[in-house]
Amino acid sequence: MSVIFHPLRVRRIEPDTSEAVIVSFDVPEELREVFGFTQGQYLTLRKEIDGQDLRRSYSICAGVDDGELRVGVRKVQGGTFSNWINSALQPGDTLQVMAPEGRFFVPIEPEAHRHHVGIAGGSGITPILSIMKTVLAREPFARFTLIYGNRSLKSTMFKEEIEDLKNRYMTRVALQHVFSDEHTDVPINMGVMNREKIAEFLEGLVPAGQIDHVYICGPFQMNDEAEAALLAAGVPEERIHIERFGIAQPAGPVGAVVHEAQPGDAEQARITIVRDGLSREIPFAKGQPSILDAASSAGLEVPYSCTSGVCGTCRAKLLEGEVRMERNFALDKNEVAGGFILTCQAHPLTERVVLSFDER
């Protein structure tokens, strides 16, 4: 897999809320195929800010048939990239952008009579909006229910666009807002998007037995609690699809240090990395932060973005040897069983490891 960033010109920047903007890109004709995307995918953006070479991933919020490439970016407290985009990026500026990636989708079935459900919290609406728009346009017999949690209506991203979808597909769209800091006349539409709140919807307005696929994206705790509520209500695991944003809290015991060497780690290892059909061997010493860090230190250009086990950009397939991952919020159990790893979280357990970025 080539790690190629393409320069894309910013076409426009639209304020969405006081904390978020929508960034649209001009895609030249020769890159149209490269930037063709599937609903629910994301872009990795790259920019040098204050002397730092930064990469961040943002979900595409356009439908496949919208004829544009755009992402929604909400300010994150202490987030250098998101704050820079909201305050300094201008139309006409150029950003380095990787081709779309991500597996947060289900293939479209034009003849299917399916009920899709989105459970979104805050900026987690961005990939779900892309899925919602595409499903409604390409599955004419499908229904879509959106349960969308925010602090208030004022802080709700894409509220007008979502209302437009509801009005356009009146018989096929159901919309349920949930506000944590704003009063509504209906109790179910107030409160926190926790397990109890999701269960309340599943017991009444959105019967679990009528869900064909459900897409979850929001804060980490909301994702986990929504998944727990769905499983408890009898929704099969294979129908539940989760996309995670942001930086995860450290996994493991309280006080565990991220990237700390552990008993069983190989003292020294040789890592063979396959990319674009070429192999390169690099050394790894116990105590190095990760295989990704070792590859970057050796001068290899390999794909990555968040470096916290969340986005999945650094995904590779383990062909030989054994590794351990400190965190994994991007790969499901079937992908792990299939040999896929997150190189930003991987440490060799054997003296020889072979992995491929070409099998992603």
Protein backbone atom coordinates (compact mmCIF):
# COMPACT_ATOMS: atom_id res chain seq x y z
CA MET A 1 0.00 0.00 0.00
CA SER A 2 1.51 3.32 -1.07
CA VAL A 3 1.67 5.97 1.62
CA ILE A 4 0.91 8.87 -0.68
CA PHE A 5 -0.38 12.24 0.40
CA HIS A 6 -1.97 14.30 -2.34
CA PRO A 7 -2.20 18.10 -2.20
CA LEU A 8 -5.86 19.12 -2.19
CA ARG A 9 -7.09 22.69 -2.30
CA VAL A 10 -9.71 23.74 0.23
CA ARG A 11 -12.80 24.80 -1.73
CA ARG A 12 -14.78 26.22 1.17
CA ILE A 13 -15.09 26.23 4.95
CA GLU A 14 -18.60 26.44 6.38
CA PRO A 15 -19.27 27.17 10.05
CA ASP A 16 -21.66 24.52 11.36
CA THR A 17 -21.81 25.24 15.09
CA SER A 18 -19.72 27.54 17.28
CA GLU A 19 -17.32 24.60 17.74
CA ALA A 20 -17.29 22.94 14.32
CA VAL A 21 -16.72 23.61 10.63
CA ILE A 22 -17.27 21.66 7.42
CA VAL A 23 -14.24 21.60 5.09
CA SER A 24 -14.80 20.85 1.40
CA PHE A 25 -11.98 19.99 -1.02
CA ASP A 26 -11.45 20.47 -4.73
CA VAL A 27 -10.48 17.13 -6.26
CA PRO A 28 -8.75 17.45 -9.64
CA GLU A 29 -9.92 15.20 -12.44
CA GLU A 30 -6.79 13.06 -12.33
CA LEU A 31 -7.44 12.23 -8.65
CA ARG A 32 -11.18 11.53 -8.86
CA GLU A 33 -10.66 7.78 -8.82
CA VAL A 34 -8.13 7.99 -5.96
CA PHE A 35 -10.59 9.93 -3.82
CA GLY A 36 -13.67 7.90 -4.65
CA PHE A 37 -14.99 6.76 -1.29
CA THR A 38 -17.37 4.35 0.37
CA GLN A 39 -19.90 5.71 2.86
CA GLY A 40 -18.46 5.83 6.40
CA GLN A 41 -14.80 6.17 5.39
CA TYR A 42 -12.34 8.83 6.57
CA LEU A 43 -9.49 11.00 5.28
CA THR A 44 -6.08 11.42 6.90
CA LEU A 45 -4.93 15.04 6.69
CA ARG A 46 -1.33 16.18 7.10
CA LYS A 47 0.02 19.64 7.91
CA GLU A 48 3.04 21.18 9.57
CA ILE A 49 1.75 23.31 12.44
CA ASP A 50 4.11 25.23 14.72
CA GLY A 51 7.01 23.14 13.48
CA GLN A 52 5.26 19.81 14.05
CA ASP A 53 4.42 17.39 11.24
CA LEU A 54 0.89 16.41 12.29
CA ARG A 55 -1.58 13.87 10.91
CA ARG A 56 -5.21 13.53 11.91
CA SER A 57 -8.10 11.49 10.56
CA TYR A 58 -11.54 13.01 9.96
CA SER A 59 -14.61 11.19 8.68
CA ILE A 60 -16.17 12.08 5.36
CA CYS A 61 -19.63 13.56 5.91
CA ALA A 62 -20.81 13.53 2.28
CA GLY A 63 -22.93 10.87 0.65
CA VAL A 64 -21.36 8.85 -2.15
CA ASP A 65 -23.65 10.55 -4.69
CA ASP A 66 -23.19 14.11 -3.41
CA GLY A 67 -20.40 14.87 -5.87
CA GLU A 68 -18.13 16.43 -3.26
CA LEU A 69 -15.47 15.51 -0.74
CA ARG A 70 -15.89 17.07 2.69
CA VAL A 71 -15.19 16.43 6.35
CA GLY A 72 -16.66 17.79 9.57
CA VAL A 73 -14.18 18.99 12.21
CA ARG A 74 -15.16 19.85 15.77
CA LYS A 75 -12.72 21.62 18.08
CA VAL A 76 -11.13 19.31 20.63
CA GLN A 77 -9.83 20.80 23.86
CA GLY A 78 -6.05 20.85 23.51
CA GLY A 79 -6.31 19.48 19.97
CA THR A 80 -3.73 21.31 17.86
CA PHE A 81 -5.03 20.17 14.48
CA SER A 82 -8.76 20.60 15.08
CA ASN A 83 -8.30 24.05 16.61
CA TRP A 84 -6.04 25.12 13.75
CA ILE A 85 -8.63 24.00 11.19
CA ASN A 86 -11.39 25.89 13.00
CA SER A 87 -9.40 29.10 13.48
CA ALA A 88 -6.71 29.38 10.81
CA LEU A 89 -7.49 27.27 7.73
CA GLN A 90 -8.78 29.35 4.80
CA PRO A 91 -10.42 28.60 1.43
CA GLY A 92 -7.67 28.30 -1.16
CA ASP A 93 -5.21 26.75 1.29
CA THR A 94 -3.73 23.36 0.47
CA LEU A 95 -3.64 20.31 2.74
CA GLN A 96 -1.89 17.00 2.19
CA VAL A 97 -4.54 14.26 2.11
CA MET A 98 -4.37 10.45 1.92
CA ALA A 99 -6.87 8.43 -0.09
CA PRO A 100 -10.04 7.43 1.82
CA GLU A 101 -9.75 4.52 4.23
CA GLY A 102 -11.94 2.73 6.74
CA ARG A 103 -14.26 -0.25 7.09
CA PHE A 104 -17.21 1.37 8.88
CA PHE A 105 -19.87 0.37 6.35
CA VAL A 106 -22.06 -2.42 5.05
CA PRO A 107 -22.24 -3.01 1.28
CA ILE A 108 -25.25 -1.41 -0.35
CA GLU A 109 -28.05 -3.76 -1.48
CA PRO A 110 -30.40 -1.80 -3.78
CA GLU A 111 -33.23 -4.35 -3.58
CA ALA A 112 -33.04 -4.92 0.19
CA HIS A 113 -35.84 -3.91 2.55
CA ARG A 114 -33.54 -3.17 5.49
CA HIS A 115 -33.82 -1.12 8.64
CA HIS A 116 -30.58 0.73 9.38
CA VAL A 117 -30.06 2.46 12.73
CA GLY A 118 -27.47 5.09 13.58
CA ILE A 119 -26.50 5.87 17.18
CA ALA A 120 -24.35 9.01 17.20
CA GLY A 121 -22.89 11.21 19.89
CA GLY A 122 -21.53 14.67 19.09
CA SER A 123 -19.11 14.72 16.16
CA GLY A 124 -19.65 10.97 15.81
CA ILE A 125 -22.45 11.96 13.46
CA THR A 126 -19.99 12.61 10.60
CA PRO A 127 -19.52 9.05 9.25
CA ILE A 128 -23.10 8.12 10.14
CA LEU A 129 -24.39 11.06 8.07
CA SER A 130 -22.42 9.73 5.09
CA ILE A 131 -23.92 6.26 5.63
CA MET A 132 -27.42 7.65 6.11
CA LYS A 133 -27.35 9.77 2.94
CA THR A 134 -25.94 6.95 0.83
CA VAL A 135 -28.33 4.29 2.14
CA LEU A 136 -31.37 6.48 1.56
CA ALA A 137 -30.26 7.31 -1.98
CA ARG A 138 -29.15 3.83 -3.04
CA GLU A 139 -31.50 1.52 -1.10
CA PRO A 140 -34.96 2.82 -2.08
CA PHE A 141 -36.75 0.31 0.15
CA ALA A 142 -34.59 0.90 3.23
CA ARG A 143 -35.50 2.77 6.40
CA PHE A 144 -33.08 4.70 8.59
CA THR A 145 -33.53 5.60 12.25
CA LEU A 146 -31.08 8.06 13.81
CA ILE A 147 -30.65 8.41 17.58
CA TYR A 148 -28.43 11.45 18.02
CA GLY A 149 -27.07 12.68 21.35
CA ASN A 150 -25.77 16.20 22.02
CA ARG A 151 -25.61 18.74 24.81
CA SER A 152 -28.22 20.97 23.16
CA LEU A 153 -29.80 21.77 19.81
CA LYS A 154 -27.37 24.67 19.43
CA SER A 155 -24.36 22.34 19.68
CA THR A 156 -25.81 19.79 17.23
CA MET A 157 -23.73 19.31 14.09
CA PHE A 158 -25.54 19.06 10.73
CA LYS A 159 -28.95 19.74 12.30
CA GLU A 160 -30.35 21.46 9.18
CA GLU A 161 -28.95 18.83 6.81
CA ILE A 162 -30.46 16.04 8.90
CA GLU A 163 -33.83 17.81 9.00
CA ASP A 164 -33.67 18.14 5.22
CA LEU A 165 -33.12 14.39 4.93
CA LYS A 166 -36.06 13.75 7.22
CA ASN A 167 -38.30 16.00 5.12
CA ARG A 168 -37.11 14.50 1.83
CA TYR A 169 -37.60 10.90 2.96
CA MET A 170 -40.55 11.42 5.29
CA THR A 171 -41.77 7.83 5.30
CA ARG A 172 -38.30 6.29 5.56
CA VAL A 173 -36.49 8.38 8.18
CA ALA A 174 -37.08 8.52 11.93
CA LEU A 175 -35.08 11.04 13.96
CA GLN A 176 -34.64 10.99 17.73
CA HIS A 177 -32.57 13.73 19.36
CA VAL A 178 -31.28 13.26 22.91
CA PHE A 179 -30.11 16.38 24.78
CA SER A 180 -28.14 16.19 28.01
CA ASP A 181 -28.30 19.91 28.85
CA GLU A 182 -31.59 21.01 27.30
CA HIS A 183 -35.17 20.38 28.40
CA THR A 184 -37.64 18.71 26.06
CA ASP A 185 -41.28 17.81 26.55
CA VAL A 186 -40.57 14.11 25.97
CA PRO A 187 -38.50 12.40 28.69
CA ILE A 188 -36.91 9.87 26.34
CA ASN A 189 -35.29 12.76 24.44
CA MET A 190 -33.49 14.07 27.53
CA GLY A 191 -30.48 12.70 29.35
CA VAL A 192 -27.18 10.99 28.68
CA MET A 193 -26.64 8.46 25.90
CA ASN A 194 -25.86 5.59 28.26
CA ARG A 195 -26.89 1.94 28.33
CA GLU A 196 -30.19 2.71 30.02
CA LYS A 197 -31.13 5.40 27.52
CA ILE A 198 -30.35 3.20 24.51
CA ALA A 199 -32.26 0.31 26.12
CA GLU A 200 -35.25 2.63 26.52
CA PHE A 201 -35.32 3.20 22.76
CA LEU A 202 -34.85 -0.51 22.02
CA GLU A 203 -37.80 -1.40 24.23
CA GLY A 204 -40.17 0.91 22.41
CA LEU A 205 -39.51 3.28 19.51
CA VAL A 206 -36.73 1.21 17.90
CA PRO A 207 -37.50 -2.49 18.54
CA ALA A 208 -34.30 -4.52 18.61
CA GLY A 209 -35.85 -7.31 16.57
CA GLN A 210 -36.43 -4.95 13.65
CA ILE A 211 -32.80 -3.79 13.31
CA ASP A 212 -30.84 -5.14 10.34
CA HIS A 213 -27.68 -3.07 10.89
CA VAL A 214 -26.73 -0.52 13.52
CA TYR A 215 -23.86 1.97 13.30
CA ILE A 216 -22.40 3.47 16.48
CA CYS A 217 -20.02 6.43 16.66
CA GLY A 218 -19.40 8.80 19.54
CA PRO A 219 -17.43 9.10 22.77
CA PHE A 220 -15.77 5.87 23.93
CA GLN A 221 -18.10 5.30 26.86
CA MET A 222 -21.19 5.89 24.75
CA ASN A 223 -19.96 3.39 22.16
CA ASP A 224 -19.40 0.72 24.80
CA GLU A 225 -22.72 1.32 26.54
CA ALA A 226 -24.68 1.37 23.28
CA GLU A 227 -23.07 -1.91 22.25
CA ALA A 228 -23.90 -3.46 25.63
CA ALA A 229 -27.53 -2.34 25.36
CA LEU A 230 -27.87 -3.75 21.85
CA LEU A 231 -26.34 -7.10 22.77
CA ALA A 232 -28.52 -7.35 25.87
CA ALA A 233 -31.58 -6.66 23.70
CA GLY A 234 -30.66 -9.54 21.41
CA VAL A 235 -29.16 -7.72 18.43
CA PRO A 236 -26.59 -10.11 16.89
CA GLU A 237 -22.99 -8.99 17.24
CA GLU A 238 -22.38 -9.14 13.48
CA ARG A 239 -25.06 -6.48 12.93
CA ILE A 240 -23.36 -3.99 15.25
CA HIS A 241 -20.74 -1.74 13.64
CA ILE A 242 -18.64 0.69 15.71
CA GLU A 243 -16.34 3.56 14.71
CA ARG A 244 -14.24 5.17 17.43
CA PHE A 245 -12.95 8.73 17.56
CA GLY A 246 -10.37 10.54 19.64
CA ILE A 247 -7.74 9.34 22.05
CA ALA A 248 -8.60 6.36 24.17
CA GLN A 249 -7.93 6.14 27.86
CA PRO A 250 -5.12 3.71 28.64
CA ALA A 251 -6.17 0.10 28.68
CA GLY A 252 -5.08 -2.36 31.31
CA PRO A 253 -4.40 -1.94 35.02
CA VAL A 254 -4.57 1.46 36.67
CA GLY A 255 -1.16 3.06 36.51
CA ALA A 256 0.01 1.02 33.51
CA VAL A 257 2.40 2.99 31.34
CA VAL A 258 1.60 3.03 27.64
CA HIS A 259 4.46 1.62 25.50
CA GLU A 260 6.25 0.18 28.51
CA ALA A 261 8.13 -3.06 27.87
CA GLN A 262 6.47 -6.14 29.34
CA PRO A 263 7.70 -9.59 30.40
CA GLY A 264 7.73 -11.84 27.37
CA ASP A 265 8.68 -9.11 24.91
CA ALA A 266 11.58 -10.09 22.66
CA GLU A 267 14.86 -8.53 23.81
CA GLN A 268 15.88 -8.00 20.19
CA ALA A 269 13.94 -8.67 17.01
CA ARG A 270 14.25 -8.36 13.25
CA ILE A 271 11.09 -6.98 11.68
CA THR A 272 10.49 -7.53 7.97
CA ILE A 273 8.02 -5.02 6.56
CA VAL A 274 6.37 -5.59 3.18
CA ARG A 275 4.98 -2.55 1.39
CA ASP A 276 4.18 -2.14 -2.30
CA GLY A 277 5.66 -5.60 -2.91
CA LEU A 278 9.05 -4.65 -1.48
CA SER A 279 10.56 -6.02 1.74
CA ARG A 280 12.69 -4.10 4.21
CA GLU A 281 14.18 -5.50 7.41
CA ILE A 282 14.62 -3.28 10.45
CA PRO A 283 15.88 -3.91 13.99
CA PHE A 284 13.72 -3.67 17.09
CA ALA A 285 14.99 -3.39 20.66
CA LYS A 286 12.91 -4.13 23.73
CA GLY A 287 11.68 -0.85 25.14
CA GLN A 288 11.04 0.88 21.81
CA PRO A 289 7.54 2.41 21.72
CA SER A 290 6.13 0.24 18.92
CA ILE A 291 6.84 -1.44 15.61
CA LEU A 292 5.45 1.66 13.89
CA ASP A 293 7.92 3.85 15.78
CA ALA A 294 10.79 1.54 14.84
CA ALA A 295 9.76 1.65 11.18
CA SER A 296 9.53 5.44 11.18
CA SER A 297 12.89 5.74 12.95
CA ALA A 298 14.43 3.56 10.24
CA GLY A 299 13.17 5.96 7.58
CA LEU A 300 10.28 3.87 6.28
CA GLU A 301 7.21 5.74 5.10
CA VAL A 302 4.35 3.69 6.52
CA PRO A 303 0.68 4.65 7.01
CA TYR A 304 -0.44 6.01 10.37
CA SER A 305 -2.50 8.79 11.89
CA CYS A 306 -3.67 8.76 15.52
CA THR A 307 -0.94 6.48 17.01
CA SER A 308 -3.33 5.59 19.84
CA GLY A 309 -4.95 2.40 18.56
CA VAL A 310 -8.15 4.09 17.44
CA CYS A 311 -8.24 4.94 13.74
CA GLY A 312 -6.79 1.78 12.18
CA THR A 313 -4.70 3.64 9.58
CA CYS A 314 -1.56 1.72 10.63
CA ARG A 315 -3.25 -1.68 10.16
CA ALA A 316 -1.06 -4.45 8.74
CA LYS A 317 -1.22 -8.23 8.46
CA LEU A 318 1.08 -10.40 10.54
CA LEU A 319 2.58 -13.05 8.25
CA GLU A 320 5.14 -14.59 10.60
CA GLY A 321 6.00 -14.40 14.29
CA GLU A 322 4.02 -13.14 17.26
CA VAL A 323 3.29 -9.68 18.63
CA ARG A 324 1.21 -8.19 21.41
CA MET A 325 -0.91 -5.05 21.15
CA GLU A 326 -1.25 -2.66 24.06
CA ARG A 327 -4.53 -1.18 22.85
CA ASN A 328 -6.97 -2.08 20.13
CA PHE A 329 -10.04 0.01 19.47
CA ALA A 330 -10.00 -0.35 15.67
CA LEU A 331 -9.93 -4.07 14.84
CA ASP A 332 -12.77 -6.46 15.53
CA LYS A 333 -12.18 -9.99 16.78
CA ASN A 334 -12.46 -11.47 13.29
CA GLU A 335 -9.74 -9.15 11.98
CA VAL A 336 -7.49 -10.02 14.91
CA ALA A 337 -8.14 -13.72 14.34
CA GLY A 338 -7.24 -13.15 10.69
CA GLY A 339 -3.81 -11.89 11.69
CA PHE A 340 -4.29 -8.14 11.46
CA ILE A 341 -2.49 -5.87 13.92
CA LEU A 342 -2.18 -2.17 14.71
CA THR A 343 1.50 -1.42 14.24
CA CYS A 344 1.30 1.66 16.49
CA GLN A 345 0.45 -0.66 19.38
CA ALA A 346 2.49 -3.74 18.44
CA HIS A 347 5.55 -5.18 20.22
CA PRO A 348 7.34 -8.32 19.00
CA LEU A 349 7.22 -11.41 21.18
CA THR A 350 9.43 -13.43 18.83
CA GLU A 351 12.85 -12.64 17.41
CA ARG A 352 11.50 -12.61 13.87
CA VAL A 353 8.35 -10.87 12.72
CA VAL A 354 7.08 -10.40 9.16
CA LEU A 355 4.16 -8.09 8.43
CA SER A 356 2.58 -6.65 5.32
CA PHE A 357 0.93 -3.30 4.66
CA ASP A 358 -0.16 -4.64 1.27
CA GLU A 359 -2.83 -6.87 2.85
CA ARG A 360 -5.16 -4.37 4.49
